[in-house]
């Protein structure tokens, strides 16, 4: 699979995603309101906020898993289209989450798990002959993430961090222009976190849009400059991380006293305790 280089954000083309005056309501309660948001092609953003704030619902708005209240002017657009085909959105997006990891409960070689990404299946589809070229694409995806040595290993014998990276390769095999990482480091040890974050950096360097959903500033790779803070079902703030990842804003976001430190573009969050 030939490595793709995407164009830098261009204000002359429609945004990758745009949202205006969107309300998601469940059982009569607004679980998310987004006034204005747009993401350019090739742009990166991190969604940061406490549990239950609305981060996952925000992503589901983009993926069309949930729909906002009806407006005469559709609130969510994809590449300028008010009613895009679901297939177009799915082909553009790759999604990796800890929830997806929980579905890995079968003994399959990692290469088959990755190859299954071409067909939307966990492993190889039944009653279909898979061409050698498709296996070659899967091996290329593993190689791009420096884990080709895992190709023939049983997925159930791999570490949690290794499985998570195999799942990234499973999305990468379709060559998406956008990678959504939903709490990607949940359940990982420090080694797994390191490699997963380096994987995000590799994909960001190729010019793909990275959308990261997390509770922790530590997950926000230096390549992501923009953060969207979500609290109480609303966008709390949206701007450069150097302005928003600070003691005052983080303390307001999580409603506890916090201290933020920065080193070489990486941010860490600490509880602030009284003496």
C-alpha atoms as a PDB file:
ATOM      1  CA  UNK A   1       0.000   0.000   0.000  1.00  0.00           C
ATOM      2  CA  UNK A   2       1.541   3.272  -1.073  1.00  0.00           C
ATOM      3  CA  UNK A   3       1.938   5.796   1.720  1.00  0.00           C
ATOM      4  CA  UNK A   4      -0.478   8.682   1.329  1.00  0.00           C
ATOM      5  CA  UNK A   5       0.400  12.295   1.927  1.00  0.00           C
ATOM      6  CA  UNK A   6      -2.648  14.470   2.429  1.00  0.00           C
ATOM      7  CA  UNK A   7      -2.796  18.178   1.723  1.00  0.00           C
ATOM      8  CA  UNK A   8      -2.418  20.695   4.526  1.00  0.00           C
ATOM      9  CA  UNK A   9      -5.633  22.433   5.637  1.00  0.00           C
ATOM     10  CA  UNK A  10      -6.905  24.668   2.819  1.00  0.00           C
ATOM     11  CA  UNK A  11      -9.463  27.361   3.536  1.00  0.00           C
ATOM     12  CA  UNK A  12     -10.607  27.224  -0.105  1.00  0.00           C
ATOM     13  CA  UNK A  13     -12.118  23.739   0.332  1.00  0.00           C
ATOM     14  CA  UNK A  14     -15.061  22.828   2.604  1.00  0.00           C
ATOM     15  CA  UNK A  15     -14.204  21.687   6.123  1.00  0.00           C
ATOM     16  CA  UNK A  16     -13.850  17.999   6.745  1.00  0.00           C
ATOM     17  CA  UNK A  17     -16.610  18.326   9.346  1.00  0.00           C
ATOM     18  CA  UNK A  18     -18.739  21.288  10.372  1.00  0.00           C
ATOM     19  CA  UNK A  19     -21.393  21.494  13.090  1.00  0.00           C
ATOM     20  CA  UNK A  20     -23.734  24.416  13.748  1.00  0.00           C
ATOM     21  CA  UNK A  21     -26.503  24.641  16.373  1.00  0.00           C
ATOM     22  CA  UNK A  22     -26.690  20.894  16.964  1.00  0.00           C
ATOM     23  CA  UNK A  23     -28.668  19.412  19.862  1.00  0.00           C
ATOM     24  CA  UNK A  24     -28.697  15.717  20.672  1.00  0.00           C
ATOM     25  CA  UNK A  25     -31.654  14.852  22.892  1.00  0.00           C
ATOM     26  CA  UNK A  26     -32.330  11.588  24.675  1.00  0.00           C
ATOM     27  CA  UNK A  27     -35.431  10.925  26.846  1.00  0.00           C
ATOM     28  CA  UNK A  28     -36.241  14.623  26.704  1.00  0.00           C
ATOM     29  CA  UNK A  29     -32.812  15.681  27.972  1.00  0.00           C
ATOM     30  CA  UNK A  30     -30.133  17.434  25.932  1.00  0.00           C
ATOM     31  CA  UNK A  31     -27.047  15.240  26.184  1.00  0.00           C
ATOM     32  CA  UNK A  32     -24.955  17.428  23.860  1.00  0.00           C
ATOM     33  CA  UNK A  33     -25.185  20.924  22.408  1.00  0.00           C
ATOM     34  CA  UNK A  34     -22.636  22.189  19.875  1.00  0.00           C
ATOM     35  CA  UNK A  35     -22.974  25.790  18.765  1.00  0.00           C
ATOM     36  CA  UNK A  36     -20.185  25.969  16.166  1.00  0.00           C
ATOM     37  CA  UNK A  37     -17.373  23.622  15.239  1.00  0.00           C
ATOM     38  CA  UNK A  38     -15.381  22.938  12.102  1.00  0.00           C
ATOM     39  CA  UNK A  39     -12.373  20.766  11.361  1.00  0.00           C
ATOM     40  CA  UNK A  40     -10.269  21.304   8.253  1.00  0.00           C
ATOM     41  CA  UNK A  41      -8.835  18.504   6.124  1.00  0.00           C
ATOM     42  CA  UNK A  42      -5.580  17.383   7.742  1.00  0.00           C
ATOM     43  CA  UNK A  43      -6.248  19.257  11.001  1.00  0.00           C
ATOM     44  CA  UNK A  44      -5.864  17.555  14.394  1.00  0.00           C
ATOM     45  CA  UNK A  45      -7.983  18.063  17.514  1.00  0.00           C
ATOM     46  CA  UNK A  46      -8.242  16.511  20.976  1.00  0.00           C
ATOM     47  CA  UNK A  47     -11.551  16.299  22.837  1.00  0.00           C
ATOM     48  CA  UNK A  48     -10.862  16.517  26.547  1.00  0.00           C
ATOM     49  CA  UNK A  49     -13.294  16.341  29.444  1.00  0.00           C
ATOM     50  CA  UNK A  50     -14.660  14.321  32.358  1.00  0.00           C
ATOM     51  CA  UNK A  51     -16.705  11.129  32.102  1.00  0.00           C
ATOM     52  CA  UNK A  52     -20.252  11.699  30.873  1.00  0.00           C
ATOM     53  CA  UNK A  53     -19.447  15.147  29.493  1.00  0.00           C
ATOM     54  CA  UNK A  54     -20.576  14.305  25.948  1.00  0.00           C
ATOM     55  CA  UNK A  55     -17.292  13.466  24.203  1.00  0.00           C
ATOM     56  CA  UNK A  56     -18.450  10.127  22.810  1.00  0.00           C
ATOM     57  CA  UNK A  57     -21.743  11.652  21.670  1.00  0.00           C
ATOM     58  CA  UNK A  58     -19.747  14.319  19.838  1.00  0.00           C
ATOM     59  CA  UNK A  59     -17.880  11.615  17.914  1.00  0.00           C
ATOM     60  CA  UNK A  60     -21.141   9.795  17.187  1.00  0.00           C
ATOM     61  CA  UNK A  61     -22.462  13.011  15.636  1.00  0.00           C
ATOM     62  CA  UNK A  62     -19.556  12.930  13.208  1.00  0.00           C
ATOM     63  CA  UNK A  63     -19.944   9.237  12.409  1.00  0.00           C
ATOM     64  CA  UNK A  64     -23.765   9.500  12.049  1.00  0.00           C
ATOM     65  CA  UNK A  65     -24.371   7.009  14.856  1.00  0.00           C
ATOM     66  CA  UNK A  66     -26.597   9.646  16.481  1.00  0.00           C
ATOM     67  CA  UNK A  67     -28.523  12.501  14.881  1.00  0.00           C
ATOM     68  CA  UNK A  68     -29.254  16.011  16.162  1.00  0.00           C
ATOM     69  CA  UNK A  69     -32.693  17.562  16.363  1.00  0.00           C
ATOM     70  CA  UNK A  70     -34.080  18.536  12.970  1.00  0.00           C
ATOM     71  CA  UNK A  71     -33.218  21.979  11.613  1.00  0.00           C
ATOM     72  CA  UNK A  72     -34.181  23.476   8.255  1.00  0.00           C
ATOM     73  CA  UNK A  73     -30.434  23.797   7.693  1.00  0.00           C
ATOM     74  CA  UNK A  74     -28.818  20.438   8.606  1.00  0.00           C
ATOM     75  CA  UNK A  75     -26.570  20.982  11.666  1.00  0.00           C
ATOM     76  CA  UNK A  76     -23.819  18.514  10.670  1.00  0.00           C
ATOM     77  CA  UNK A  77     -21.992  18.537   7.345  1.00  0.00           C
ATOM     78  CA  UNK A  78     -19.269  16.303   5.967  1.00  0.00           C
ATOM     79  CA  UNK A  79     -17.007  17.910   3.364  1.00  0.00           C
ATOM     80  CA  UNK A  80     -19.728  20.455   2.715  1.00  0.00           C
ATOM     81  CA  UNK A  81     -22.434  17.855   2.170  1.00  0.00           C
ATOM     82  CA  UNK A  82     -25.596  18.124   4.255  1.00  0.00           C
ATOM     83  CA  UNK A  83     -26.665  14.540   3.500  1.00  0.00           C
ATOM     84  CA  UNK A  84     -23.533  12.566   2.699  1.00  0.00           C
ATOM     85  CA  UNK A  85     -23.644   8.856   2.027  1.00  0.00           C
ATOM     86  CA  UNK A  86     -22.846   6.846   5.140  1.00  0.00           C
ATOM     87  CA  UNK A  87     -20.435   4.790   3.054  1.00  0.00           C
ATOM     88  CA  UNK A  88     -18.446   7.925   2.186  1.00  0.00           C
ATOM     89  CA  UNK A  89     -18.062   8.784   5.869  1.00  0.00           C
ATOM     90  CA  UNK A  90     -17.083   5.239   6.826  1.00  0.00           C
ATOM     91  CA  UNK A  91     -14.494   5.033   4.066  1.00  0.00           C
ATOM     92  CA  UNK A  92     -12.889   8.295   5.248  1.00  0.00           C
ATOM     93  CA  UNK A  93     -12.780   7.401   8.946  1.00  0.00           C
ATOM     94  CA  UNK A  94     -10.784   4.837  10.874  1.00  0.00           C
ATOM     95  CA  UNK A  95     -11.864   4.380  14.496  1.00  0.00           C
ATOM     96  CA  UNK A  96      -9.820   2.795  17.280  1.00  0.00           C
ATOM     97  CA  UNK A  97     -11.172   2.418  20.809  1.00  0.00           C
ATOM     98  CA  UNK A  98     -10.704   0.368  23.949  1.00  0.00           C
ATOM     99  CA  UNK A  99     -14.288  -0.834  23.435  1.00  0.00           C
ATOM    100  CA  UNK A 100     -13.290  -2.361  20.099  1.00  0.00           C
ATOM    101  CA  UNK A 101     -10.438  -4.105  21.903  1.00  0.00           C
ATOM    102  CA  UNK A 102     -12.954  -5.839  24.178  1.00  0.00           C
ATOM    103  CA  UNK A 103     -14.441  -7.584  21.120  1.00  0.00           C
ATOM    104  CA  UNK A 104     -11.184  -9.437  20.418  1.00  0.00           C
ATOM    105  CA  UNK A 105     -12.107 -12.840  21.823  1.00  0.00           C
ATOM    106  CA  UNK A 106     -11.076 -15.210  19.047  1.00  0.00           C
ATOM    107  CA  UNK A 107      -7.849 -17.042  18.241  1.00  0.00           C
ATOM    108  CA  UNK A 108      -6.741 -15.519  14.930  1.00  0.00           C
ATOM    109  CA  UNK A 109      -3.373 -14.502  13.459  1.00  0.00           C
ATOM    110  CA  UNK A 110      -2.877 -10.758  13.708  1.00  0.00           C
ATOM    111  CA  UNK A 111      -2.568 -10.546   9.901  1.00  0.00           C
ATOM    112  CA  UNK A 112      -6.133 -11.873   9.544  1.00  0.00           C
ATOM    113  CA  UNK A 113      -7.458  -9.346  12.045  1.00  0.00           C
ATOM    114  CA  UNK A 114      -5.814  -6.537  10.064  1.00  0.00           C
ATOM    115  CA  UNK A 115      -6.987  -7.907   6.716  1.00  0.00           C
ATOM    116  CA  UNK A 116     -10.528  -8.046   8.093  1.00  0.00           C
ATOM    117  CA  UNK A 117     -10.494  -4.250   8.161  1.00  0.00           C
ATOM    118  CA  UNK A 118     -10.882  -4.313   4.374  1.00  0.00           C
ATOM    119  CA  UNK A 119     -14.228  -6.073   4.783  1.00  0.00           C
ATOM    120  CA  UNK A 120     -15.535  -4.646   8.049  1.00  0.00           C
ATOM    121  CA  UNK A 121     -15.055  -7.960   9.844  1.00  0.00           C
ATOM    122  CA  UNK A 122     -12.958  -8.953  12.839  1.00  0.00           C
ATOM    123  CA  UNK A 123     -11.169 -11.671  10.872  1.00  0.00           C
ATOM    124  CA  UNK A 124     -11.427 -12.883   7.295  1.00  0.00           C
ATOM    125  CA  UNK A 125     -14.982 -12.990   5.895  1.00  0.00           C
ATOM    126  CA  UNK A 126     -16.542 -16.415   5.454  1.00  0.00           C
ATOM    127  CA  UNK A 127     -17.043 -17.858   1.984  1.00  0.00           C
ATOM    128  CA  UNK A 128     -14.735 -15.306   0.367  1.00  0.00           C
ATOM    129  CA  UNK A 129     -11.308 -15.927  -1.056  1.00  0.00           C
ATOM    130  CA  UNK A 130      -8.863 -13.236   0.025  1.00  0.00           C
ATOM    131  CA  UNK A 131      -6.342 -12.226  -2.613  1.00  0.00           C
ATOM    132  CA  UNK A 132      -2.614 -12.103  -1.927  1.00  0.00           C
ATOM    133  CA  UNK A 133      -2.692  -8.372  -2.727  1.00  0.00           C
ATOM    134  CA  UNK A 134      -5.085  -7.853   0.186  1.00  0.00           C
ATOM    135  CA  UNK A 135      -2.779  -9.727   2.547  1.00  0.00           C
ATOM    136  CA  UNK A 136       0.082  -7.590   1.214  1.00  0.00           C
ATOM    137  CA  UNK A 137      -1.847  -4.434   2.159  1.00  0.00           C
ATOM    138  CA  UNK A 138      -2.357  -5.811   5.653  1.00  0.00           C
ATOM    139  CA  UNK A 139       1.364  -6.571   6.024  1.00  0.00           C
ATOM    140  CA  UNK A 140       2.188  -3.077   4.773  1.00  0.00           C
ATOM    141  CA  UNK A 141      -0.097  -1.573   7.419  1.00  0.00           C
ATOM    142  CA  UNK A 142       1.630  -3.618  10.144  1.00  0.00           C
ATOM    143  CA  UNK A 143       5.032  -2.617   8.788  1.00  0.00           C
ATOM    144  CA  UNK A 144       4.103   1.069   8.793  1.00  0.00           C
ATOM    145  CA  UNK A 145       3.498   0.755  12.532  1.00  0.00           C
ATOM    146  CA  UNK A 146       6.713  -1.277  13.038  1.00  0.00           C
ATOM    147  CA  UNK A 147       4.835  -4.415  14.180  1.00  0.00           C
ATOM    148  CA  UNK A 148       5.147  -6.646  11.106  1.00  0.00           C
ATOM    149  CA  UNK A 149       6.797  -9.273  13.345  1.00  0.00           C
ATOM    150  CA  UNK A 150       3.386  -9.794  14.972  1.00  0.00           C
ATOM    151  CA  UNK A 151       1.696 -10.758  11.685  1.00  0.00           C
ATOM    152  CA  UNK A 152       1.540 -14.511  12.321  1.00  0.00           C
ATOM    153  CA  UNK A 153       1.068 -14.328  16.102  1.00  0.00           C
ATOM    154  CA  UNK A 154      -2.235 -15.372  17.670  1.00  0.00           C
ATOM    155  CA  UNK A 155      -4.012 -12.132  18.599  1.00  0.00           C
ATOM    156  CA  UNK A 156      -5.008 -13.676  21.954  1.00  0.00           C
ATOM    157  CA  UNK A 157      -1.346 -14.160  22.916  1.00  0.00           C
ATOM    158  CA  UNK A 158      -0.359 -10.511  22.398  1.00  0.00           C
ATOM    159  CA  UNK A 159      -0.040  -7.870  25.088  1.00  0.00           C
ATOM    160  CA  UNK A 160      -2.801  -5.302  25.468  1.00  0.00           C
ATOM    161  CA  UNK A 161      -0.603  -2.646  23.860  1.00  0.00           C
ATOM    162  CA  UNK A 162       0.270  -4.884  20.917  1.00  0.00           C
ATOM    163  CA  UNK A 163      -3.390  -5.717  20.283  1.00  0.00           C
ATOM    164  CA  UNK A 164      -4.278  -2.013  20.346  1.00  0.00           C
ATOM    165  CA  UNK A 165      -1.648  -1.299  17.674  1.00  0.00           C
ATOM    166  CA  UNK A 166      -2.869  -4.228  15.563  1.00  0.00           C
ATOM    167  CA  UNK A 167      -6.339  -2.641  15.700  1.00  0.00           C
ATOM    168  CA  UNK A 168      -4.830   0.636  14.464  1.00  0.00           C
ATOM    169  CA  UNK A 169      -3.306  -1.295  11.544  1.00  0.00           C
ATOM    170  CA  UNK A 170      -6.752  -2.838  10.912  1.00  0.00           C
ATOM    171  CA  UNK A 171      -8.098   0.687  10.330  1.00  0.00           C
ATOM    172  CA  UNK A 172      -5.018   1.875   8.464  1.00  0.00           C
ATOM    173  CA  UNK A 173      -5.316  -0.919   5.886  1.00  0.00           C
ATOM    174  CA  UNK A 174      -8.288   0.964   4.342  1.00  0.00           C
ATOM    175  CA  UNK A 175      -6.140   4.112   3.984  1.00  0.00           C
ATOM    176  CA  UNK A 176      -8.552   6.490   5.792  1.00  0.00           C
ATOM    177  CA  UNK A 177      -7.946  10.221   5.759  1.00  0.00           C
ATOM    178  CA  UNK A 178      -9.143  10.587   9.374  1.00  0.00           C
ATOM    179  CA  UNK A 179      -8.201   8.502  12.421  1.00  0.00           C
ATOM    180  CA  UNK A 180     -10.438   8.721  15.478  1.00  0.00           C
ATOM    181  CA  UNK A 181      -8.809   7.504  18.702  1.00  0.00           C
ATOM    182  CA  UNK A 182     -11.460   7.093  21.426  1.00  0.00           C
ATOM    183  CA  UNK A 183      -9.747   6.697  24.816  1.00  0.00           C
ATOM    184  CA  UNK A 184      -6.938   4.760  23.067  1.00  0.00           C
ATOM    185  CA  UNK A 185      -4.687   4.365  26.117  1.00  0.00           C
ATOM    186  CA  UNK A 186      -7.311   2.939  28.476  1.00  0.00           C
ATOM    187  CA  UNK A 187      -5.968  -0.222  30.093  1.00  0.00           C
ATOM    188  CA  UNK A 188      -2.426   0.159  28.755  1.00  0.00           C
ATOM    189  CA  UNK A 189       0.769   0.016  30.797  1.00  0.00           C
ATOM    190  CA  UNK A 190       3.452   2.736  30.295  1.00  0.00           C
ATOM    191  CA  UNK A 191       5.107   0.764  27.496  1.00  0.00           C
ATOM    192  CA  UNK A 192       1.785   0.329  25.677  1.00  0.00           C
ATOM    193  CA  UNK A 193       0.951   4.008  26.128  1.00  0.00           C
ATOM    194  CA  UNK A 194       4.329   5.035  24.723  1.00  0.00           C
ATOM    195  CA  UNK A 195       3.960   2.932  21.577  1.00  0.00           C
ATOM    196  CA  UNK A 196       0.326   3.913  21.012  1.00  0.00           C
ATOM    197  CA  UNK A 197       1.165   7.612  21.279  1.00  0.00           C
ATOM    198  CA  UNK A 198       4.092   7.132  18.889  1.00  0.00           C
ATOM    199  CA  UNK A 199       1.678   5.430  16.494  1.00  0.00           C
ATOM    200  CA  UNK A 200      -0.566   8.506  16.603  1.00  0.00           C
ATOM    201  CA  UNK A 201       2.465  10.670  15.845  1.00  0.00           C
ATOM    202  CA  UNK A 202       3.352   8.507  12.836  1.00  0.00           C
ATOM    203  CA  UNK A 203      -0.137   8.902  11.375  1.00  0.00           C
ATOM    204  CA  UNK A 204      -0.285  12.633  12.124  1.00  0.00           C
ATOM    205  CA  UNK A 205       3.040  13.120  10.320  1.00  0.00           C
ATOM    206  CA  UNK A 206       1.466  11.622   7.189  1.00  0.00           C
ATOM    207  CA  UNK A 207      -1.048  14.468   7.148  1.00  0.00           C
ATOM    208  CA  UNK A 208      -4.062  12.442   8.249  1.00  0.00           C
ATOM    209  CA  UNK A 209      -6.507  14.200  10.552  1.00  0.00           C
ATOM    210  CA  UNK A 210      -6.261  12.886  14.105  1.00  0.00           C
ATOM    211  CA  UNK A 211      -9.310  13.198  16.372  1.00  0.00           C
ATOM    212  CA  UNK A 212      -8.401  12.134  19.890  1.00  0.00           C
ATOM    213  CA  UNK A 213     -10.931  11.602  22.690  1.00  0.00           C
ATOM    214  CA  UNK A 214      -9.404  11.404  26.154  1.00  0.00           C
ATOM    215  CA  UNK A 215      -9.648  12.296  29.835  1.00  0.00           C
ATOM    216  CA  UNK A 216      -5.927  12.939  30.103  1.00  0.00           C
ATOM    217  CA  UNK A 217      -3.717  15.711  28.673  1.00  0.00           C
ATOM    218  CA  UNK A 218      -0.872  13.142  28.745  1.00  0.00           C
ATOM    219  CA  UNK A 219      -2.463  11.460  25.700  1.00  0.00           C
ATOM    220  CA  UNK A 220      -2.347  14.633  23.598  1.00  0.00           C
ATOM    221  CA  UNK A 221       0.643  14.232  21.288  1.00  0.00           C
ATOM    222  CA  UNK A 222       2.666  17.373  20.435  1.00  0.00           C
ATOM    223  CA  UNK A 223       1.331  17.198  16.853  1.00  0.00           C
ATOM    224  CA  UNK A 224      -2.162  18.092  18.149  1.00  0.00           C
ATOM    225  CA  UNK A 225      -2.282  21.823  18.801  1.00  0.00           C
ATOM    226  CA  UNK A 226      -6.036  22.308  19.160  1.00  0.00           C
ATOM    227  CA  UNK A 227      -8.158  21.108  22.074  1.00  0.00           C
ATOM    228  CA  UNK A 228     -11.926  21.036  22.455  1.00  0.00           C
ATOM    229  CA  UNK A 229     -12.999  20.969  26.097  1.00  0.00           C
ATOM    230  CA  UNK A 230     -16.376  19.358  26.769  1.00  0.00           C
ATOM    231  CA  UNK A 231     -18.252  19.723  30.055  1.00  0.00           C
ATOM    232  CA  UNK A 232     -21.875  19.288  31.114  1.00  0.00           C
ATOM    233  CA  UNK A 233     -22.975  18.335  27.585  1.00  0.00           C
ATOM    234  CA  UNK A 234     -21.579  21.515  26.014  1.00  0.00           C
ATOM    235  CA  UNK A 235     -18.360  22.743  24.451  1.00  0.00           C
ATOM    236  CA  UNK A 236     -16.603  24.419  27.369  1.00  0.00           C
ATOM    237  CA  UNK A 237     -13.766  25.900  25.295  1.00  0.00           C
ATOM    238  CA  UNK A 238     -12.086  25.461  21.897  1.00  0.00           C
ATOM    239  CA  UNK A 239      -8.624  26.744  21.121  1.00  0.00           C
ATOM    240  CA  UNK A 240      -4.830  26.260  21.196  1.00  0.00           C
ATOM    241  CA  UNK A 241      -3.649  23.840  23.866  1.00  0.00           C
ATOM    242  CA  UNK A 242      -0.957  26.253  25.042  1.00  0.00           C
ATOM    243  CA  UNK A 243      -3.796  28.554  26.189  1.00  0.00           C
ATOM    244  CA  UNK A 244      -6.262  25.980  27.501  1.00  0.00           C
ATOM    245  CA  UNK A 245      -4.009  23.393  29.135  1.00  0.00           C
ATOM    246  CA  UNK A 246      -3.305  25.497  32.210  1.00  0.00           C
ATOM    247  CA  UNK A 247      -4.080  25.212  35.934  1.00  0.00           C
ATOM    248  CA  UNK A 248      -7.116  27.493  35.954  1.00  0.00           C
ATOM    249  CA  UNK A 249      -8.888  26.059  32.921  1.00  0.00           C
ATOM    250  CA  UNK A 250      -8.220  22.411  33.814  1.00  0.00           C
ATOM    251  CA  UNK A 251      -9.401  22.999  37.379  1.00  0.00           C
ATOM    252  CA  UNK A 252     -12.626  24.533  36.034  1.00  0.00           C
ATOM    253  CA  UNK A 253     -13.084  21.691  33.548  1.00  0.00           C
ATOM    254  CA  UNK A 254     -12.754  18.880  36.112  1.00  0.00           C
ATOM    255  CA  UNK A 255     -14.044  20.811  39.177  1.00  0.00           C
ATOM    256  CA  UNK A 256     -11.010  19.945  41.307  1.00  0.00           C
ATOM    257  CA  UNK A 257      -7.758  21.877  41.925  1.00  0.00           C
ATOM    258  CA  UNK A 258      -5.226  20.768  39.323  1.00  0.00           C
ATOM    259  CA  UNK A 259      -1.712  21.673  38.236  1.00  0.00           C
ATOM    260  CA  UNK A 260      -0.509  21.377  34.632  1.00  0.00           C
ATOM    261  CA  UNK A 261       3.093  20.979  33.558  1.00  0.00           C
ATOM    262  CA  UNK A 262       4.605  20.957  30.045  1.00  0.00           C
ATOM    263  CA  UNK A 263       7.808  19.423  28.707  1.00  0.00           C
ATOM    264  CA  UNK A 264       8.813  19.313  25.036  1.00  0.00           C
ATOM    265  CA  UNK A 265       5.199  19.675  23.886  1.00  0.00           C
ATOM    266  CA  UNK A 266       3.839  16.999  26.248  1.00  0.00           C
ATOM    267  CA  UNK A 267       1.453  17.986  29.053  1.00  0.00           C
ATOM    268  CA  UNK A 268       0.836  16.338  32.419  1.00  0.00           C
ATOM    269  CA  UNK A 269      -1.929  16.849  34.961  1.00  0.00           C
ATOM    270  CA  UNK A 270      -1.504  16.623  38.730  1.00  0.00           C
ATOM    271  CA  UNK A 271      -3.850  17.017  41.677  1.00  0.00           C
ATOM    272  CA  UNK A 272      -3.149  20.126  43.745  1.00  0.00           C
ATOM    273  CA  UNK A 273      -3.312  19.295  47.443  1.00  0.00           C
ATOM    274  CA  UNK A 274      -3.439  21.651  50.385  1.00  0.00           C
ATOM    275  CA  UNK A 275      -0.448  21.585  52.770  1.00  0.00           C
END
